[in-house]
Protein backbone atom coordinates (compact mmCIF):
# COMPACT_ATOMS: atom_id res chain seq x y z
CA MET A 1 215.83 129.71 177.06
CA ILE A 2 214.29 131.62 179.99
CA TYR A 3 216.44 134.43 181.32
CA PHE A 4 216.33 135.94 184.81
CA GLN A 5 218.72 136.13 187.71
CA ILE A 6 218.45 134.58 191.15
CA ASP A 7 219.79 136.33 194.23
CA LYS A 8 221.33 133.65 196.45
CA GLN A 9 222.40 135.94 199.30
CA GLY A 10 221.26 135.11 202.82
CA ASN A 11 218.91 138.11 203.06
CA ALA A 12 217.19 137.41 199.72
CA LYS A 13 213.73 135.87 199.32
CA TYR A 14 213.46 132.11 199.21
CA ILE A 15 214.90 130.90 195.89
CA TYR A 16 211.67 129.12 194.88
CA LYS A 17 209.78 132.37 195.51
CA GLN A 18 212.12 134.30 193.21
CA ILE A 19 211.67 131.70 190.46
CA TYR A 20 207.90 131.79 190.90
CA GLU A 21 207.67 135.60 190.79
CA ASN A 22 209.96 135.93 187.75
CA LEU A 23 208.06 133.29 185.79
CA LYS A 24 204.70 134.82 186.74
CA LYS A 25 205.90 138.24 185.51
CA LEU A 26 207.09 136.76 182.20
CA ILE A 27 203.78 134.94 181.73
CA LEU A 28 201.61 137.98 182.49
CA GLU A 29 203.67 140.16 180.14
CA HIS A 30 203.28 137.48 177.42
CA ARG A 31 207.04 137.17 177.08
CA ILE A 32 206.52 133.42 177.11
CA PRO A 33 203.98 132.53 174.38
CA LEU A 34 200.66 130.84 175.10
CA GLY A 35 201.01 127.06 175.11
CA GLU A 36 204.79 127.23 175.26
CA LYS A 37 206.41 124.32 177.09
CA LEU A 38 208.52 125.30 180.08
CA PRO A 39 211.99 123.83 180.54
CA SER A 40 212.07 120.64 182.55
CA LYS A 41 212.72 121.06 186.25
CA ARG A 42 216.23 119.64 185.84
CA GLU A 43 217.03 121.92 182.86
CA LEU A 44 215.87 125.09 184.63
CA ALA A 45 217.69 124.10 187.81
CA ILE A 46 220.95 123.73 185.85
CA ASP A 47 220.41 127.02 183.97
CA LEU A 48 219.76 128.94 187.21
CA GLY A 49 222.28 127.09 189.33
CA VAL A 50 219.69 126.09 191.92
CA SER A 51 218.27 122.85 193.34
CA ILE A 52 215.57 120.85 191.56
CA ASN A 53 213.43 121.20 194.71
CA SER A 54 213.39 125.00 194.32
CA VAL A 55 212.18 124.74 190.72
CA THR A 56 209.63 122.07 191.70
CA ASN A 57 208.14 124.30 194.41
CA ALA A 58 207.95 127.26 192.01
CA TYR A 59 206.23 125.17 189.28
CA GLU A 60 203.75 123.70 191.79
CA GLN A 61 202.77 127.18 193.00
CA LEU A 62 202.25 128.42 189.42
CA LEU A 63 200.21 125.30 188.70
CA ALA A 64 198.04 125.81 191.81
CA GLU A 65 197.30 129.42 190.82
CA GLY A 66 196.47 128.56 187.20
CA TYR A 67 199.40 130.18 185.39
CA ILE A 68 200.55 126.88 183.90
CA PHE A 69 199.10 123.41 183.25
CA ALA A 70 200.72 120.00 183.28
CA ILE A 71 200.51 117.13 180.81
CA GLU A 72 201.48 113.82 182.32
CA ARG A 73 204.93 112.64 181.21
CA LYS A 74 205.32 115.63 178.92
CA GLY A 75 205.84 118.60 181.21
CA TYR A 76 204.47 122.05 182.07
CA TYR A 77 202.87 124.50 179.60
CA ILE A 78 201.76 128.15 179.68
CA GLU A 79 198.03 128.52 180.39
CA ASN A 80 195.69 130.74 178.36
CA ILE A 81 195.16 133.66 180.77
CA THR A 82 192.53 136.33 180.22
CA ASP A 83 193.98 139.85 179.94
CA PHE A 84 192.81 142.67 182.22
CA ASP A 85 190.64 145.30 180.54
CA GLN A 86 192.25 148.74 180.64
CA GLN A 87 189.11 150.14 182.29
CA THR A 88 189.44 147.77 185.24
CA GLN A 89 193.01 148.60 186.14
CA ARG A 90 193.34 149.29 189.85
CA ASN A 91 193.25 152.94 190.86
CA ALA A 92 196.18 153.39 193.20
CA LYS A 93 194.73 156.45 194.91
CA PHE A 94 192.54 155.56 197.91
CA PRO A 95 189.50 157.88 198.38
CA SER A 96 190.33 160.47 201.03
CA GLU A 97 186.82 160.38 202.55
CA LEU A 98 187.30 156.70 203.41
CA ARG A 99 190.53 157.20 205.32
CA GLU A 100 190.36 156.73 209.07
CA SER A 101 191.91 159.30 211.36
CA TYR A 102 193.82 158.21 214.42
CA THR A 103 193.23 160.16 217.62
CA ASN A 104 196.00 160.16 220.18
CA GLU A 105 194.09 159.68 223.46
CA GLU A 106 197.06 160.54 225.64
CA ASP A 107 196.11 163.11 228.30
CA TRP A 108 192.40 162.69 227.55
CA ILE A 109 189.91 162.15 230.37
CA SER A 110 186.64 160.34 229.71
CA LEU A 111 183.17 161.26 230.91
CA SER A 112 181.71 158.88 228.36
CA HIS A 113 178.61 156.78 229.04
CA ILE A 114 179.88 154.09 226.65
CA THR A 115 183.02 152.78 228.30
CA THR A 116 183.47 150.64 231.41
CA ASP A 117 186.18 150.36 234.07
CA ILE A 118 188.57 147.54 233.18
CA SER A 119 190.93 148.15 236.13
CA MET A 120 189.07 145.83 238.50
CA PHE A 121 188.10 143.07 236.09
CA PRO A 122 189.13 139.66 237.53
CA PHE A 123 191.10 138.43 234.54
CA GLN A 124 192.68 135.53 236.46
CA GLU A 125 189.28 134.19 237.48
CA TRP A 126 188.02 134.60 233.91
CA LEU A 127 191.03 132.65 232.58
CA LYS A 128 190.26 129.87 235.04
CA CYS A 129 186.70 129.76 233.69
CA GLN A 130 188.08 129.55 230.16
CA GLN A 131 190.23 126.62 231.23
CA GLN A 132 187.13 124.90 232.62
CA ALA A 133 185.36 125.54 229.32
CA ILE A 134 188.26 123.95 227.42
CA GLN A 135 188.42 121.00 229.80
CA TYR A 136 184.72 120.13 229.87
CA HIS A 137 183.37 121.35 226.50
CA GLN A 138 185.87 120.26 223.87
CA LYS A 139 183.14 118.53 221.83
CA GLU A 140 180.98 121.68 221.77
CA LEU A 141 183.97 123.91 220.96
CA ALA A 142 184.72 121.76 217.91
CA GLN A 143 181.19 122.18 216.55
CA ILE A 144 178.97 124.96 215.24
CA SER A 145 176.74 126.07 218.10
CA HIS A 146 172.93 125.98 218.22
CA PRO A 147 171.49 129.00 216.31
CA GLN A 148 170.36 130.48 219.66
CA GLY A 149 173.64 129.73 221.45
CA PRO A 150 174.67 126.73 223.62
CA PHE A 151 171.76 125.42 225.70
CA THR A 152 173.96 125.13 228.82
CA VAL A 153 174.77 128.84 228.66
CA ARG A 154 171.17 129.81 227.97
CA LYS A 155 170.03 127.82 230.99
CA THR A 156 172.61 129.57 233.18
CA ILE A 157 171.49 132.99 231.93
CA SER A 158 167.80 132.16 232.43
CA ASN A 159 168.45 131.11 236.03
CA MET A 160 170.48 134.25 236.70
CA ILE A 161 167.99 136.77 235.30
CA ALA A 162 165.12 134.99 237.05
CA PHE A 163 166.92 135.58 240.35
CA THR A 164 168.31 139.09 239.71
CA ARG A 165 165.68 140.64 237.43
CA GLY A 166 162.58 138.51 237.99
CA VAL A 167 162.51 137.55 234.31
CA ILE A 168 160.14 134.65 233.69
CA CYS A 169 161.41 132.45 230.88
CA GLU A 170 162.65 129.03 229.83
CA PRO A 171 166.20 128.56 228.47
CA GLU A 172 164.63 127.81 225.07
CA GLN A 173 163.31 131.39 224.90
CA ILE A 174 166.77 132.95 225.08
CA ILE A 175 168.66 134.04 221.96
CA ILE A 176 172.33 134.83 222.57
CA GLY A 177 173.97 137.28 220.17
CA SER A 178 177.06 139.40 219.64
CA GLY A 179 175.25 142.58 220.70
CA THR A 180 171.83 144.10 221.19
CA GLN A 181 171.83 145.64 217.71
CA PRO A 182 172.25 142.31 215.84
CA LEU A 183 169.53 140.74 217.99
CA ILE A 184 167.10 143.59 217.32
CA SER A 185 167.97 143.39 213.64
CA GLN A 186 167.06 139.69 213.61
CA LEU A 187 163.83 140.35 215.52
CA MET A 188 162.63 143.07 213.19
CA ASP A 189 163.49 141.07 210.06
CA LEU A 190 160.70 138.72 211.18
CA GLN A 191 158.10 141.51 211.18
CA PRO A 192 155.98 142.86 208.30
CA LYS A 193 157.59 145.80 206.50
CA ASN A 194 154.57 147.97 207.28
CA SER A 195 155.07 147.56 211.04
CA ILE A 196 154.85 150.78 213.04
CA VAL A 197 157.60 151.23 215.62
CA ALA A 198 157.92 153.75 218.46
CA VAL A 199 161.07 154.68 220.39
CA GLU A 200 161.85 156.98 223.31
CA ASN A 201 162.96 160.55 222.58
CA PRO A 202 165.62 161.27 223.70
CA GLY A 203 166.79 157.71 223.32
CA TYR A 204 169.36 155.31 221.97
CA SER A 205 170.16 156.71 218.55
CA ARG A 206 171.91 153.57 217.26
CA ILE A 207 168.74 151.50 217.61
CA TYR A 208 166.69 154.31 216.07
CA ARG A 209 168.95 154.44 213.01
CA LEU A 210 168.95 150.65 212.76
CA LEU A 211 165.15 150.53 212.68
CA GLU A 212 165.01 153.32 210.11
CA SER A 213 167.56 151.55 207.92
CA LYS A 214 165.16 148.60 207.67
CA GLY A 215 162.53 150.82 206.09
CA LEU A 216 160.21 150.64 209.10
CA ASP A 217 157.88 153.45 210.10
CA VAL A 218 159.70 154.70 213.22
CA THR A 219 158.26 157.45 215.43
CA PRO A 220 160.14 159.03 218.38
CA ILE A 221 157.86 159.65 221.38
CA SER A 222 158.66 162.18 224.08
CA LEU A 223 158.97 161.50 227.79
CA ASP A 224 157.08 162.88 230.74
CA SER A 225 157.96 162.67 234.44
CA GLN A 226 157.15 158.92 234.52
CA GLY A 227 158.69 157.81 231.25
CA ILE A 228 157.19 157.32 227.79
CA ASN A 229 154.30 159.71 227.13
CA MET A 230 151.13 157.60 227.06
CA GLU A 231 149.01 160.11 225.13
CA GLU A 232 151.54 160.29 222.30
CA LEU A 233 151.93 156.51 222.38
CA LYS A 234 148.21 155.96 221.91
CA ARG A 235 148.11 158.46 219.02
CA VAL A 236 150.97 156.71 217.21
CA ASN A 237 149.51 153.25 217.98
CA PRO A 238 152.69 151.27 217.20
CA ASP A 239 153.11 147.54 216.82
CA PHE A 240 156.47 147.65 218.64
CA LEU A 241 157.58 149.96 221.43
CA PHE A 242 161.26 150.16 222.41
CA ILE A 243 161.88 151.41 225.96
CA THR A 244 164.44 151.42 228.80
CA PRO A 245 162.15 151.42 231.87
CA SER A 246 164.64 150.52 234.63
CA HIS A 247 167.04 153.37 233.79
CA GLN A 248 165.85 155.41 230.83
CA PHE A 249 168.61 156.19 228.40
CA PRO A 250 169.87 158.90 228.53
CA THR A 251 167.77 160.78 231.13
CA GLY A 252 168.14 158.12 233.85
CA LYS A 253 164.41 158.12 234.76
CA ILE A 254 163.15 154.99 236.55
CA MET A 255 159.63 154.13 235.41
CA PRO A 256 157.22 153.79 238.37
CA ILE A 257 154.91 150.82 238.80
CA SER A 258 151.81 152.77 237.72
CA ARG A 259 153.28 153.58 234.28
CA ARG A 260 154.54 150.03 233.89
CA ILE A 261 151.05 148.64 234.45
CA GLU A 262 149.65 151.23 232.03
CA LEU A 263 152.08 150.03 229.38
CA LEU A 264 151.29 146.37 229.94
CA ASN A 265 147.56 147.11 229.70
CA TRP A 266 148.21 149.05 226.49
CA SER A 267 150.16 146.11 225.05
CA THR A 268 147.19 143.75 225.39
CA ALA A 269 144.63 146.14 223.86
CA GLU A 270 145.44 144.82 220.36
CA GLU A 271 146.86 141.62 218.90
CA ASN A 272 150.51 141.38 217.87
CA ARG A 273 151.56 144.39 219.92
CA TYR A 274 154.91 144.09 221.72
CA ILE A 275 157.16 146.04 224.07
CA VAL A 276 160.93 145.61 223.70
CA GLU A 277 162.54 146.18 227.10
CA ASP A 278 166.24 147.11 226.91
CA ASP A 279 167.71 146.38 230.35
CA TYR A 280 171.17 147.59 229.39
CA ASP A 281 172.69 148.51 232.81
CA SER A 282 170.17 147.36 235.42
CA GLU A 283 172.84 145.53 237.45
CA PHE A 284 174.09 148.84 238.83
CA LYS A 285 171.77 150.23 241.48
CA TYR A 286 172.91 152.26 244.47
CA ASP A 287 171.29 152.84 247.89
CA THR A 288 168.27 150.61 247.11
CA ASP A 289 167.56 147.15 245.71
CA ASN A 290 167.33 146.47 241.99
CA ILE A 291 164.17 147.53 240.18
CA PRO A 292 162.34 144.41 238.85
CA SER A 293 162.14 144.16 235.09
CA LEU A 294 158.99 145.08 233.19
CA GLN A 295 158.98 141.53 231.84
CA SER A 296 158.58 140.20 235.40
CA LEU A 297 155.12 141.84 235.52
CA ASP A 298 154.04 140.60 232.09
CA ARG A 299 151.44 137.84 232.19
CA ASN A 300 150.45 137.98 228.52
CA GLN A 301 153.79 137.33 226.76
CA ARG A 302 153.93 140.84 225.28
CA VAL A 303 157.38 141.92 226.55
CA ILE A 304 160.58 141.06 224.68
CA TYR A 305 163.43 141.36 227.16
CA THR A 306 167.00 142.22 226.09
CA GLY A 307 170.10 142.30 228.27
CA THR A 308 173.84 142.58 227.81
CA PHE A 309 177.11 141.76 229.53
CA SER A 310 178.84 144.74 227.89
CA LYS A 311 178.43 146.95 230.97
CA THR A 312 179.16 144.30 233.60
CA LEU A 313 182.05 142.46 231.92
CA LEU A 314 183.86 143.96 228.92
CA PRO A 315 182.20 145.56 225.86
CA SER A 316 184.71 143.73 223.65
CA PHE A 317 183.32 140.33 224.75
CA ARG A 318 180.19 141.08 222.66
CA ILE A 319 177.70 138.96 224.62
CA SER A 320 174.04 140.00 224.70
CA TYR A 321 170.77 138.09 224.85
CA MET A 322 167.07 138.41 224.02
CA VAL A 323 164.08 136.63 225.57
CA LEU A 324 161.30 135.95 223.07
CA PRO A 325 157.66 135.12 223.82
CA PRO A 326 156.75 131.63 222.47
CA ILE A 327 154.82 132.97 219.47
CA LEU A 328 157.81 134.98 218.26
CA LEU A 329 160.22 132.19 219.20
CA ARG A 330 158.36 129.82 216.84
CA ARG A 331 158.72 132.32 214.00
CA TYR A 332 162.36 132.93 214.89
CA ARG A 333 163.20 129.22 214.69
CA GLU A 334 161.44 128.81 211.36
CA HIS A 335 163.22 131.82 209.85
CA TYR A 336 166.69 131.19 211.32
CA LEU A 337 166.75 127.40 211.01
CA ASP A 338 170.10 127.52 209.16
CA TRP A 339 171.55 130.46 211.08
CA ILE A 340 175.18 130.02 212.15
CA HIS A 341 175.60 131.45 215.60
CA GLY A 342 178.15 134.27 215.65
CA SER A 343 179.30 134.47 219.28
CA ASN A 344 182.55 132.99 220.54
CA SER A 345 181.64 129.63 222.14
CA LEU A 346 184.76 129.60 224.33
CA GLN A 347 183.74 132.96 225.83
CA LEU A 348 180.16 131.77 226.28
CA PHE A 349 181.16 128.65 228.19
CA ALA A 350 183.63 130.74 230.22
CA LEU A 351 180.68 133.02 231.08
CA HIS A 352 178.71 129.94 232.16
CA TYR A 353 181.39 128.99 234.70
CA PHE A 354 181.97 132.63 235.71
CA ILE A 355 178.31 132.81 236.74
CA LYS A 356 178.09 129.26 238.11
CA ASN A 357 181.22 129.66 240.28
CA GLY A 358 179.85 132.84 241.87
CA GLU A 359 182.52 135.07 240.32
CA TYR A 360 179.99 137.13 238.36
CA LYS A 361 177.98 137.94 241.48
CA LYS A 362 181.15 138.92 243.39
CA HIS A 363 182.29 141.07 240.48
CA ILE A 364 178.96 142.92 240.29
CA ARG A 365 178.98 143.54 244.04
CA ARG A 366 182.56 144.83 243.87
CA MET A 367 181.85 147.08 240.87
CA ASN A 368 178.64 148.45 242.42
CA LYS A 369 180.62 149.67 245.41
CA HIS A 370 183.40 151.03 243.19
CA TYR A 371 181.04 152.85 240.80
CA GLU A 372 178.96 154.27 243.65
CA GLU A 373 182.06 155.80 245.24
CA LYS A 374 183.10 157.39 241.93
CA ARG A 375 179.58 158.66 241.22
CA LYS A 376 179.26 160.27 244.66
CA LYS A 377 182.68 161.91 244.44
CA LEU A 378 181.99 163.25 240.96
CA VAL A 379 178.57 164.65 241.94
CA ILE A 380 180.02 166.36 245.03
CA LYS A 381 182.88 167.91 243.06
CA LEU A 382 180.54 169.15 240.33
CA LYS A 383 178.21 170.78 242.83
CA GLU A 384 181.11 172.40 244.69
CA LYS A 385 182.58 173.83 241.50
CA PHE A 386 179.45 174.87 239.62
CA MET A 387 177.27 175.72 242.64
CA ASN A 388 174.00 177.30 241.46
CA SER A 389 174.82 176.91 237.76
CA ILE A 390 174.28 173.14 237.74
CA ASN A 391 171.28 170.86 238.24
CA ILE A 392 172.06 167.13 238.41
CA GLN A 393 169.45 164.45 237.87
CA ASP A 394 171.10 162.34 240.56
CA ILE A 395 169.27 159.06 240.14
CA PRO A 396 171.22 156.33 241.99
CA ALA A 397 171.39 153.84 239.13
CA GLY A 398 173.43 152.97 236.06
CA LEU A 399 176.75 154.35 234.88
CA HIS A 400 175.73 157.87 233.84
CA PHE A 401 173.53 160.79 234.88
CA LEU A 402 172.04 163.82 233.17
CA ALA A 403 173.22 167.28 234.24
CA TYR A 404 171.92 170.76 233.30
CA PHE A 405 174.41 173.64 233.14
CA LYS A 406 173.70 177.35 232.89
CA SER A 407 175.92 178.62 230.10
CA ALA A 408 175.98 181.29 227.41
CA LYS A 409 177.59 178.86 224.98
CA SER A 410 175.94 176.84 222.22
CA TYR A 411 176.18 173.08 221.92
CA ASP A 412 178.63 173.44 219.02
CA GLU A 413 180.87 175.65 221.14
CA ILE A 414 180.69 173.13 223.99
CA ARG A 415 181.77 170.28 221.68
CA LYS A 416 184.68 172.27 220.24
CA ALA A 417 185.84 173.35 223.70
CA ALA A 418 185.66 169.75 224.96
CA LYS A 419 187.93 168.63 222.13
CA GLN A 420 190.43 171.38 222.95
CA GLU A 421 190.35 170.44 226.64
CA LYS A 422 190.75 166.72 225.79
CA LEU A 423 187.62 165.77 227.70
CA GLU A 424 185.43 163.04 226.17
CA LEU A 425 181.92 164.37 226.56
CA TYR A 426 178.45 163.83 225.07
CA THR A 427 175.61 166.35 224.91
CA ILE A 428 171.89 165.59 224.87
CA GLN A 429 171.79 166.49 221.17
CA ARG A 430 173.41 163.15 220.31
CA PHE A 431 170.30 161.38 221.63
CA LEU A 432 167.54 163.62 220.29
CA LEU A 433 165.71 161.67 217.63
CA LYS A 434 163.63 164.61 216.42
CA GLU A 435 165.29 167.81 215.27
CA ASP A 436 162.25 169.90 216.21
CA ARG A 437 162.26 168.88 219.87
CA GLU A 438 162.54 171.95 222.05
CA LEU A 439 165.51 172.16 224.39
CA SER A 440 165.75 174.10 227.62
CA ASP A 441 168.03 177.13 227.80
CA ASP A 442 170.48 175.07 229.84
CA ILE A 443 173.18 172.88 228.36
CA GLN A 444 172.33 169.23 228.98
CA LEU A 445 175.22 166.79 229.26
CA VAL A 446 175.17 163.02 229.69
CA ILE A 447 177.91 162.45 232.27
CA GLY A 448 179.39 158.96 232.39
CA PHE A 449 181.60 157.99 235.31
CA ALA A 450 182.47 154.33 234.66
CA ASN A 451 185.85 154.84 233.02
CA ILE A 452 187.15 157.89 234.87
CA LYS A 453 189.84 157.19 237.47
CA PRO A 454 189.11 158.56 240.96
CA GLU A 455 192.31 160.59 240.86
CA GLU A 456 191.18 162.19 237.56
CA ILE A 457 187.87 163.54 238.88
CA ASP A 458 189.21 166.88 240.14
CA GLU A 459 190.96 167.58 236.84
CA ALA A 460 187.90 166.49 234.85
CA VAL A 461 185.70 168.95 236.77
CA GLU A 462 188.20 171.76 236.18
CA ARG A 463 188.26 171.06 232.44
CA LEU A 464 184.47 170.88 232.33
CA TYR A 465 184.22 174.23 234.13
CA ARG A 466 186.46 175.86 231.52
CA ILE A 467 184.41 174.26 228.74
CA ILE A 468 181.13 175.61 230.16
CA HIS A 469 182.20 179.05 231.39
CA SER A 470 185.45 180.24 229.84
């Protein structure tokens, strides 16, 4: 006889679930011997005062999980279950260093370079594009996509960047990914482990750490007034150079044509030498036309072009792309023949229609005007408040600028004060890839203006003034 009670009240668990859990507990505690035959479903139902269906469901669940086994026309029996070793018992205490802390962002103002302004995103138009994707691409949505992403989307992107950035490529050369980091990771996994890599300093620290994590020989190279320092570059003699020529991150420098030609000439001086051009926010240019990409000048297939929709659409969409020269594309296809593409196909086809319908172009034009107004207002307010104690590198491009502040405080003091003032702020130290790089006496801050509301600018400047001077 098996003894346990069933709670038949309305707020109790399903009856079959109670039977299942009680039997499982008895089996694990060895209170029902190994090989013991369980009561028939009818017998147990009568003993417990429940329906045969409830017992049947409980037995079937125990059978599916391996607690019991069935012999046809004989019944159900207790399975031989391996006992847990004492040493492997679960430790109930979760390590404190792995716990995540929640930050209440209420009353915070952001001068971050990372975020974008969601307030003007045309969600209704995007939903219409998703509906088009569902209507016309049901077959593709039901399948695993091409390892490089859907050809239709790649063709749309190649046409767009040819028109807006002068990028010369075929749709076949485009690799779509869930971010620039995963794409760079794939690219560098194709290269010999002894490859020498150079990056800008200051520069994008996430890419720097990614390259280091792969065991590559990574050297940060300083900047001069025109961009990457050519003398240092020639001394390091890397196989791969990572740069942001159209709006250097984080200084904002725009590389002039003379330095671009120098770099392209350098790239052809040796075999298997490549430049990776990160064109992360080139869509936003104020007062003048867009600066053509470095890739548009390349006639020797030495520039690997990367772009993203994180700044123009939403970062959470996770849509980026990379344009590979044919030699590297051949190696990519051989290596990633069985790669399962990780981007959301519905979002990719929605992007296709968003671009094709002209909504993307309208959105960029609208956001350029919006961002330019915020940038100008913020620059004016900063200059009015800080007067002679500020020097702004006011380059009319992108979603951030570099500012120098005269202050007696250290960078650590600035960071602590920013936290107290609830102002999201990033200093140049975050982007210095060499600890021994000399800094000026001024405090250098990377000021982002994408996510700040126009009505918050005055308050943000007041908080920043207290951070710098109080």
